[in-house]
């Protein structure tokens, strides 16, 4: 005689576990973020590299996570790219500051930073000299130059991304160009 296992039947008043229908706002957020990722991931990664992030992939991933969390509060989803760019700048700046403080408190000198394969693939040999020169600039000057000359942003967009006034953008850009010119000429 075969022993049959009964099929579980939910008790009256207890609902079966079925997936809830997808929330349209959640579907919109997922689609918006997927499109944003597809369009801008590579440029945000390059931005983080040019700004001097030691782990640009993690910086960009954190930026996407932050925009994911705040997606519903964005007044204009068209402004998501600007918000993402600003977040990458801020996160990179915070990482650099954190590393500077951490390195001051370490007795042993820091090891040579190993560039990830993705980061190395983004840079051609002729760009390495420029990247090295950019790394010697103060962070704000480097940010202003990268946002202006690499991304081609306007003064107001740079000010918004960096969280400073337009006048400060002009100052940082001018000083950065002058310092970059000196560094590049000294390397010749």
Protein backbone atom coordinates (compact mmCIF):
# COMPACT_ATOMS: atom_id res chain seq x y z
CA UNK A 1 0.00 0.00 0.00
CA UNK A 2 1.35 3.37 -0.98
CA UNK A 3 1.48 6.15 1.51
CA UNK A 4 0.27 9.42 0.03
CA UNK A 5 1.39 12.79 1.33
CA UNK A 6 -1.43 15.23 1.55
CA UNK A 7 -1.21 18.42 -0.48
CA UNK A 8 -1.00 21.37 1.88
CA UNK A 9 -4.12 23.48 1.78
CA UNK A 10 -4.11 26.91 3.40
CA UNK A 11 -6.31 27.24 6.42
CA UNK A 12 -9.41 29.38 6.05
CA UNK A 13 -8.54 33.05 6.53
CA UNK A 14 -4.82 32.50 5.76
CA UNK A 15 -3.69 33.61 2.33
CA UNK A 16 -1.32 31.51 0.28
CA UNK A 17 2.14 32.96 -0.27
CA UNK A 18 2.00 34.43 -3.75
CA UNK A 19 4.14 37.22 -5.06
CA UNK A 20 2.49 40.60 -4.88
CA UNK A 21 1.95 42.42 -8.14
CA UNK A 22 4.84 44.73 -9.01
CA UNK A 23 4.53 48.34 -7.90
CA UNK A 24 4.48 50.62 -10.98
CA UNK A 25 6.71 53.18 -9.21
CA UNK A 26 9.22 50.41 -8.43
CA UNK A 27 9.17 49.23 -12.05
CA UNK A 28 9.75 52.83 -13.19
CA UNK A 29 12.69 53.20 -10.81
CA UNK A 30 14.25 49.92 -11.97
CA UNK A 31 13.86 50.88 -15.64
CA UNK A 32 15.20 54.39 -15.04
CA UNK A 33 18.25 53.15 -13.18
CA UNK A 34 18.95 50.45 -15.75
CA UNK A 35 18.89 53.08 -18.51
CA UNK A 36 21.06 55.44 -16.47
CA UNK A 37 23.55 52.65 -15.83
CA UNK A 38 23.68 51.63 -19.48
CA UNK A 39 24.19 55.20 -20.69
CA UNK A 40 26.55 56.59 -18.09
CA UNK A 41 28.45 53.86 -16.23
CA UNK A 42 31.59 54.08 -18.39
CA UNK A 43 31.74 57.87 -18.24
CA UNK A 44 31.19 57.89 -14.45
CA UNK A 45 33.96 55.31 -14.07
CA UNK A 46 36.31 57.45 -16.15
CA UNK A 47 35.32 60.49 -14.10
CA UNK A 48 36.21 58.70 -10.86
CA UNK A 49 39.55 57.58 -12.34
CA UNK A 50 40.40 61.08 -13.52
CA UNK A 51 39.47 62.57 -10.16
CA UNK A 52 41.94 60.22 -8.49
CA UNK A 53 39.73 57.58 -6.87
CA UNK A 54 41.77 54.63 -5.65
CA UNK A 55 38.80 52.30 -6.23
CA UNK A 56 36.73 53.92 -8.99
CA UNK A 57 34.45 50.90 -9.48
CA UNK A 58 33.35 51.03 -5.84
CA UNK A 59 32.87 54.80 -5.99
CA UNK A 60 30.59 54.50 -9.02
CA UNK A 61 28.71 51.55 -7.50
CA UNK A 62 28.11 53.59 -4.35
CA UNK A 63 26.90 56.53 -6.45
CA UNK A 64 24.38 54.31 -8.23
CA UNK A 65 23.25 52.89 -4.89
CA UNK A 66 22.70 56.39 -3.51
CA UNK A 67 20.67 57.45 -6.51
CA UNK A 68 18.69 54.20 -6.23
CA UNK A 69 17.79 55.05 -2.64
CA UNK A 70 16.79 58.61 -3.50
CA UNK A 71 15.10 57.94 -6.86
CA UNK A 72 11.56 58.63 -5.64
CA UNK A 73 12.64 61.94 -4.14
CA UNK A 74 14.21 63.23 -7.35
CA UNK A 75 12.04 66.06 -8.56
CA UNK A 76 13.16 65.62 -12.12
CA UNK A 77 14.43 62.24 -13.25
CA UNK A 78 16.08 64.02 -16.17
CA UNK A 79 18.43 65.54 -13.58
CA UNK A 80 19.56 62.05 -12.52
CA UNK A 81 22.75 62.27 -14.59
CA UNK A 82 23.78 65.53 -12.92
CA UNK A 83 22.98 64.08 -9.50
CA UNK A 84 25.02 60.98 -10.33
CA UNK A 85 27.98 63.07 -11.52
CA UNK A 86 27.84 65.21 -8.39
CA UNK A 87 27.70 62.09 -6.22
CA UNK A 88 30.75 60.59 -7.95
CA UNK A 89 32.67 63.84 -7.33
CA UNK A 90 31.66 63.97 -3.67
CA UNK A 91 32.38 60.31 -3.00
CA UNK A 92 35.79 60.55 -4.67
CA UNK A 93 36.63 63.64 -2.65
CA UNK A 94 35.58 61.93 0.59
CA UNK A 95 37.60 58.79 -0.25
CA UNK A 96 40.72 60.83 -0.99
CA UNK A 97 40.35 62.76 2.28
CA UNK A 98 39.77 59.56 4.22
CA UNK A 99 42.84 57.93 2.69
CA UNK A 100 44.99 60.97 3.42
CA UNK A 101 43.98 60.89 7.08
CA UNK A 102 44.40 57.11 7.29
CA UNK A 103 47.86 57.28 5.73
CA UNK A 104 48.99 59.87 8.26
CA UNK A 105 48.20 57.42 11.05
CA UNK A 106 49.90 54.41 9.49
CA UNK A 107 53.48 53.78 10.54
CA UNK A 108 54.44 51.87 7.39
CA UNK A 109 54.51 53.71 4.07
CA UNK A 110 51.54 52.91 1.81
CA UNK A 111 52.02 50.17 -0.75
CA UNK A 112 52.01 50.93 -4.43
CA UNK A 113 48.40 51.29 -5.56
CA UNK A 114 47.45 48.61 -8.06
CA UNK A 115 45.20 49.91 -10.80
CA UNK A 116 42.31 47.62 -11.69
CA UNK A 117 42.21 46.06 -15.15
CA UNK A 118 39.11 48.10 -15.99
CA UNK A 119 40.80 51.35 -15.01
CA UNK A 120 44.00 50.50 -16.87
CA UNK A 121 42.04 49.65 -20.01
CA UNK A 122 40.42 53.07 -19.92
CA UNK A 123 43.72 54.88 -20.12
CA UNK A 124 46.03 54.91 -23.11
CA UNK A 125 49.76 55.36 -22.65
CA UNK A 126 49.71 58.93 -23.94
CA UNK A 127 47.13 59.80 -21.28
CA UNK A 128 49.18 58.48 -18.38
CA UNK A 129 51.45 61.52 -18.29
CA UNK A 130 48.42 63.80 -18.14
CA UNK A 131 46.81 61.66 -15.43
CA UNK A 132 49.99 61.79 -13.36
CA UNK A 133 50.08 65.57 -13.75
CA UNK A 134 46.40 65.82 -12.78
CA UNK A 135 47.08 63.76 -9.65
CA UNK A 136 49.59 66.37 -8.49
CA UNK A 137 46.96 69.13 -8.52
CA UNK A 138 44.84 70.00 -5.47
CA UNK A 139 41.55 68.07 -5.50
CA UNK A 140 39.29 71.05 -6.29
CA UNK A 141 41.45 72.19 -9.20
CA UNK A 142 41.55 68.64 -10.56
CA UNK A 143 37.76 68.31 -10.27
CA UNK A 144 37.12 71.62 -12.00
CA UNK A 145 39.46 70.76 -14.88
CA UNK A 146 38.08 67.26 -15.38
CA UNK A 147 34.47 68.42 -15.30
CA UNK A 148 35.18 71.31 -17.65
CA UNK A 149 37.59 69.86 -20.18
CA UNK A 150 36.84 66.16 -20.07
CA UNK A 151 33.07 66.18 -19.57
CA UNK A 152 32.59 69.56 -21.27
CA UNK A 153 30.28 70.87 -18.56
CA UNK A 154 29.30 74.50 -18.34
CA UNK A 155 30.31 76.66 -15.41
CA UNK A 156 26.92 76.36 -13.68
CA UNK A 157 26.89 72.58 -14.05
CA UNK A 158 30.39 72.36 -12.59
CA UNK A 159 29.37 74.57 -9.69
CA UNK A 160 26.38 72.31 -9.00
CA UNK A 161 28.46 69.13 -9.24
CA UNK A 162 31.15 70.48 -6.91
CA UNK A 163 28.80 72.31 -4.57
CA UNK A 164 30.57 75.66 -4.99
CA UNK A 165 29.88 79.04 -6.59
CA UNK A 166 30.52 79.84 -10.26
CA UNK A 167 33.24 82.28 -9.23
CA UNK A 168 35.03 79.51 -7.35
CA UNK A 169 34.78 77.33 -10.45
CA UNK A 170 36.54 80.04 -12.47
CA UNK A 171 39.25 80.37 -9.83
CA UNK A 172 39.87 76.62 -9.52
CA UNK A 173 39.89 76.18 -13.30
CA UNK A 174 42.34 79.03 -13.91
CA UNK A 175 44.67 77.96 -11.12
CA UNK A 176 44.44 74.32 -12.17
CA UNK A 177 45.30 75.12 -15.78
CA UNK A 178 48.25 77.21 -14.70
CA UNK A 179 49.56 74.50 -12.36
CA UNK A 180 48.94 71.75 -14.93
CA UNK A 181 50.82 73.73 -17.55
CA UNK A 182 53.79 74.09 -15.19
CA UNK A 183 53.81 70.39 -14.32
CA UNK A 184 53.53 69.33 -17.98
CA UNK A 185 56.29 71.70 -19.07
CA UNK A 186 58.57 70.52 -16.27
CA UNK A 187 58.19 66.92 -17.51
CA UNK A 188 59.38 67.75 -21.02
